[in-house]
Amino acid sequence: MVEFNIALSSISISAAKSSINKNNFNSLQQQTSADWNSLLSRIAIEGNIQDTRLFYSLLYRTMQSPYMISESDGQYRSRKGELQKELSY
């Protein structure tokens, strides 16, 4: 098995490098499973099985690739590409 780490940043390469997750695959897989179960268990659907499956499938898609557009220090790029910083930082 080959493992590699990926990080994204709309700010800079150094911001992406600083956010790389250093955990191994098994650790990430376990944490991801726990996170998914926690999120999905917040909602209980009643009804027929087809509607339930459809709901959870659509819910999964809404949460599949969430990401913050700002860095941990509050920096982000505006719609014009200018570097900004959130006021709360």
N, C-alpha and C. Protein backbone atom coordinates (compact mmCIF):
# COMPACT_ATOMS: atom_id res chain seq x y z
N MET A 1 0.84 -1.17 0.00
CA MET A 1 0.00 0.00 0.00
C MET A 1 0.89 1.24 0.00
N VAL A 2 0.48 2.21 -0.76
CA VAL A 2 1.16 3.49 -0.82
C VAL A 2 0.30 4.51 -0.08
N GLU A 3 0.92 5.27 0.80
CA GLU A 3 0.20 6.32 1.51
C GLU A 3 0.81 7.67 1.15
N PHE A 4 -0.04 8.66 1.00
CA PHE A 4 0.44 10.02 0.77
C PHE A 4 -0.50 10.99 1.44
N ASN A 5 -0.02 12.18 1.68
CA ASN A 5 -0.80 13.22 2.35
C ASN A 5 -1.05 14.36 1.38
N ILE A 6 -2.27 14.89 1.44
CA ILE A 6 -2.65 16.00 0.59
C ILE A 6 -3.25 17.10 1.46
N ALA A 7 -2.93 18.33 1.13
CA ALA A 7 -3.53 19.46 1.81
C ALA A 7 -3.82 20.54 0.78
N LEU A 8 -4.90 21.28 1.00
CA LEU A 8 -5.29 22.35 0.10
C LEU A 8 -5.34 23.67 0.86
N SER A 9 -5.03 24.73 0.16
CA SER A 9 -5.16 26.06 0.73
C SER A 9 -5.42 27.05 -0.39
N SER A 10 -6.34 27.96 -0.17
CA SER A 10 -6.56 29.03 -1.14
C SER A 10 -5.65 30.22 -0.85
N ILE A 11 -4.85 30.11 0.21
CA ILE A 11 -3.98 31.21 0.63
C ILE A 11 -2.57 31.07 0.07
N SER A 12 -1.92 29.94 0.39
CA SER A 12 -0.53 29.79 -0.02
C SER A 12 -0.08 28.34 0.10
N ILE A 13 1.04 28.04 -0.50
CA ILE A 13 1.64 26.70 -0.40
C ILE A 13 2.06 26.43 1.04
N SER A 14 2.61 27.42 1.71
CA SER A 14 3.04 27.20 3.10
C SER A 14 1.85 26.93 4.02
N ALA A 15 0.71 27.58 3.76
CA ALA A 15 -0.49 27.31 4.56
C ALA A 15 -0.96 25.87 4.33
N ALA A 16 -0.89 25.39 3.10
CA ALA A 16 -1.26 24.00 2.80
C ALA A 16 -0.30 23.04 3.49
N LYS A 17 0.98 23.31 3.41
CA LYS A 17 1.96 22.43 4.04
C LYS A 17 1.74 22.35 5.55
N SER A 18 1.36 23.45 6.17
CA SER A 18 1.18 23.44 7.62
C SER A 18 -0.08 22.70 8.06
N SER A 19 -1.00 22.47 7.13
CA SER A 19 -2.24 21.78 7.50
C SER A 19 -2.26 20.31 7.09
N ILE A 20 -1.15 19.79 6.61
CA ILE A 20 -1.09 18.37 6.23
C ILE A 20 -1.30 17.51 7.46
N ASN A 21 -2.21 16.56 7.33
CA ASN A 21 -2.50 15.63 8.42
C ASN A 21 -1.42 14.55 8.42
N LYS A 22 -0.78 14.35 9.53
CA LYS A 22 0.34 13.41 9.61
C LYS A 22 -0.07 12.02 10.09
N ASN A 23 -1.38 11.80 10.32
CA ASN A 23 -1.83 10.50 10.80
C ASN A 23 -1.76 9.44 9.70
N ASN A 24 -1.63 8.18 10.11
CA ASN A 24 -1.61 7.11 9.12
C ASN A 24 -3.02 6.79 8.64
N PHE A 25 -3.13 5.97 7.60
CA PHE A 25 -4.40 5.67 6.98
C PHE A 25 -5.40 5.05 7.95
N ASN A 26 -4.98 4.06 8.71
CA ASN A 26 -5.89 3.38 9.63
C ASN A 26 -6.45 4.34 10.68
N SER A 27 -5.60 5.21 11.18
CA SER A 27 -6.04 6.20 12.15
C SER A 27 -7.07 7.15 11.53
N LEU A 28 -6.80 7.63 10.32
CA LEU A 28 -7.74 8.51 9.63
C LEU A 28 -9.06 7.81 9.33
N GLN A 29 -8.97 6.55 8.94
CA GLN A 29 -10.17 5.78 8.63
C GLN A 29 -11.05 5.62 9.87
N GLN A 30 -10.45 5.31 10.99
CA GLN A 30 -11.21 5.16 12.24
C GLN A 30 -11.84 6.49 12.66
N GLN A 31 -11.08 7.56 12.57
CA GLN A 31 -11.60 8.88 12.96
C GLN A 31 -12.73 9.31 12.02
N THR A 32 -12.56 9.07 10.72
CA THR A 32 -13.59 9.43 9.75
C THR A 32 -14.87 8.66 10.01
N SER A 33 -14.75 7.37 10.29
CA SER A 33 -15.92 6.55 10.59
C SER A 33 -16.64 7.08 11.84
N ALA A 34 -15.90 7.41 12.87
CA ALA A 34 -16.49 7.94 14.09
C ALA A 34 -17.17 9.29 13.82
N ASP A 35 -16.52 10.15 13.02
CA ASP A 35 -17.11 11.45 12.68
C ASP A 35 -18.41 11.29 11.91
N TRP A 36 -18.40 10.39 10.91
CA TRP A 36 -19.61 10.16 10.11
C TRP A 36 -20.73 9.65 10.99
N ASN A 37 -20.45 8.68 11.82
CA ASN A 37 -21.48 8.12 12.69
C ASN A 37 -22.05 9.19 13.63
N SER A 38 -21.19 10.05 14.12
CA SER A 38 -21.63 11.14 14.99
C SER A 38 -22.55 12.10 14.25
N LEU A 39 -22.17 12.48 13.04
CA LEU A 39 -22.99 13.41 12.26
C LEU A 39 -24.31 12.78 11.84
N LEU A 40 -24.25 11.56 11.33
CA LEU A 40 -25.46 10.92 10.83
C LEU A 40 -26.42 10.53 11.95
N SER A 41 -25.91 10.29 13.15
CA SER A 41 -26.78 9.88 14.25
C SER A 41 -27.58 11.05 14.82
N ARG A 42 -27.29 12.26 14.41
CA ARG A 42 -28.04 13.42 14.89
C ARG A 42 -29.46 13.48 14.32
N ILE A 43 -29.68 12.75 13.24
CA ILE A 43 -30.96 12.80 12.55
C ILE A 43 -31.53 11.39 12.49
N ALA A 44 -32.79 11.26 12.87
CA ALA A 44 -33.48 9.97 12.77
C ALA A 44 -34.64 10.14 11.81
N ILE A 45 -34.67 9.30 10.81
CA ILE A 45 -35.70 9.37 9.78
C ILE A 45 -36.67 8.20 9.97
N GLU A 46 -37.95 8.51 9.89
CA GLU A 46 -38.97 7.47 9.94
C GLU A 46 -39.66 7.43 8.59
N GLY A 47 -40.06 6.26 8.19
CA GLY A 47 -40.74 6.12 6.91
C GLY A 47 -40.28 4.86 6.22
N ASN A 48 -40.61 4.78 4.94
CA ASN A 48 -40.22 3.57 4.22
C ASN A 48 -38.72 3.55 3.96
N ILE A 49 -38.20 2.38 3.75
CA ILE A 49 -36.75 2.19 3.62
C ILE A 49 -36.17 2.91 2.41
N GLN A 50 -36.93 3.00 1.31
CA GLN A 50 -36.42 3.68 0.11
C GLN A 50 -36.23 5.17 0.36
N ASP A 51 -37.22 5.80 1.02
CA ASP A 51 -37.09 7.22 1.33
C ASP A 51 -35.97 7.48 2.33
N THR A 52 -35.82 6.57 3.28
CA THR A 52 -34.75 6.70 4.27
C THR A 52 -33.39 6.62 3.60
N ARG A 53 -33.23 5.64 2.73
CA ARG A 53 -31.95 5.51 2.00
C ARG A 53 -31.67 6.73 1.14
N LEU A 54 -32.69 7.23 0.46
CA LEU A 54 -32.51 8.40 -0.37
C LEU A 54 -32.10 9.60 0.49
N PHE A 55 -32.76 9.81 1.60
CA PHE A 55 -32.42 10.92 2.48
C PHE A 55 -30.97 10.85 2.94
N TYR A 56 -30.56 9.69 3.46
CA TYR A 56 -29.19 9.56 3.95
C TYR A 56 -28.17 9.67 2.83
N SER A 57 -28.52 9.21 1.64
CA SER A 57 -27.63 9.35 0.50
C SER A 57 -27.44 10.82 0.15
N LEU A 58 -28.52 11.58 0.13
CA LEU A 58 -28.43 13.01 -0.16
C LEU A 58 -27.71 13.77 0.95
N LEU A 59 -27.97 13.39 2.19
CA LEU A 59 -27.27 14.00 3.32
C LEU A 59 -25.77 13.76 3.22
N TYR A 60 -25.41 12.52 2.87
CA TYR A 60 -23.99 12.18 2.68
C TYR A 60 -23.36 13.10 1.66
N ARG A 61 -24.04 13.33 0.56
CA ARG A 61 -23.47 14.17 -0.50
C ARG A 61 -23.27 15.62 -0.05
N THR A 62 -24.15 16.10 0.83
CA THR A 62 -23.99 17.47 1.31
C THR A 62 -22.77 17.62 2.22
N MET A 63 -22.37 16.52 2.86
CA MET A 63 -21.24 16.58 3.80
C MET A 63 -19.98 15.93 3.24
N GLN A 64 -20.01 15.48 2.01
CA GLN A 64 -18.91 14.69 1.45
C GLN A 64 -17.60 15.46 1.37
N SER A 65 -17.64 16.69 0.96
CA SER A 65 -16.39 17.43 0.78
C SER A 65 -16.45 18.82 1.39
N PRO A 66 -16.78 18.91 2.66
CA PRO A 66 -16.80 20.25 3.26
C PRO A 66 -15.37 20.75 3.51
N TYR A 67 -15.17 22.00 3.35
CA TYR A 67 -13.87 22.58 3.69
C TYR A 67 -14.05 24.05 4.02
N MET A 68 -13.16 24.54 4.82
CA MET A 68 -13.17 25.95 5.18
C MET A 68 -12.39 26.72 4.12
N ILE A 69 -12.87 27.90 3.80
CA ILE A 69 -12.13 28.71 2.84
C ILE A 69 -11.13 29.61 3.53
N SER A 70 -11.10 29.55 4.86
CA SER A 70 -10.12 30.34 5.59
C SER A 70 -9.13 29.41 6.27
N GLU A 71 -7.97 29.94 6.57
CA GLU A 71 -6.94 29.17 7.27
C GLU A 71 -7.17 29.28 8.78
N SER A 72 -6.43 28.50 9.55
CA SER A 72 -6.62 28.47 11.00
C SER A 72 -6.34 29.84 11.65
N ASP A 73 -5.57 30.69 10.99
CA ASP A 73 -5.30 32.01 11.54
C ASP A 73 -6.30 33.07 11.08
N GLY A 74 -7.33 32.64 10.34
CA GLY A 74 -8.37 33.57 9.89
C GLY A 74 -8.15 34.19 8.53
N GLN A 75 -7.05 33.89 7.86
CA GLN A 75 -6.80 34.46 6.53
C GLN A 75 -7.63 33.74 5.48
N TYR A 76 -8.07 34.51 4.48
CA TYR A 76 -8.80 33.95 3.35
C TYR A 76 -8.62 34.87 2.15
N ARG A 77 -8.96 34.38 0.99
CA ARG A 77 -8.89 35.20 -0.22
C ARG A 77 -10.29 35.68 -0.57
N SER A 78 -10.39 36.98 -0.86
CA SER A 78 -11.68 37.55 -1.25
C SER A 78 -12.05 37.11 -2.66
N ARG A 79 -13.24 37.49 -3.10
CA ARG A 79 -13.66 37.14 -4.47
C ARG A 79 -12.74 37.76 -5.51
N LYS A 80 -12.05 38.82 -5.14
CA LYS A 80 -11.11 39.46 -6.06
C LYS A 80 -9.70 38.87 -5.95
N GLY A 81 -9.52 37.89 -5.06
CA GLY A 81 -8.22 37.26 -4.90
C GLY A 81 -7.33 37.94 -3.89
N GLU A 82 -7.85 38.95 -3.21
CA GLU A 82 -7.05 39.69 -2.23
C GLU A 82 -7.02 38.95 -0.91
N LEU A 83 -5.88 38.96 -0.24
CA LEU A 83 -5.74 38.31 1.06
C LEU A 83 -6.45 39.15 2.12
N GLN A 84 -7.35 38.50 2.88
CA GLN A 84 -8.12 39.16 3.92
C GLN A 84 -7.93 38.37 5.22
N LYS A 85 -8.34 38.96 6.33
CA LYS A 85 -8.30 38.27 7.61
C LYS A 85 -9.60 38.53 8.34
N GLU A 86 -10.18 37.46 8.90
CA GLU A 86 -11.42 37.59 9.65
C GLU A 86 -11.22 38.53 10.83
N LEU A 87 -12.20 39.33 11.12
CA LEU A 87 -12.09 40.32 12.19
C LEU A 87 -11.97 39.72 13.56
N SER A 88 -12.48 38.49 13.77
CA SER A 88 -12.48 37.88 15.09
C SER A 88 -11.10 37.36 15.51
N TYR A 89 -10.11 37.41 14.60
CA TYR A 89 -8.77 36.92 14.95
C TYR A 89 -7.87 38.03 15.36
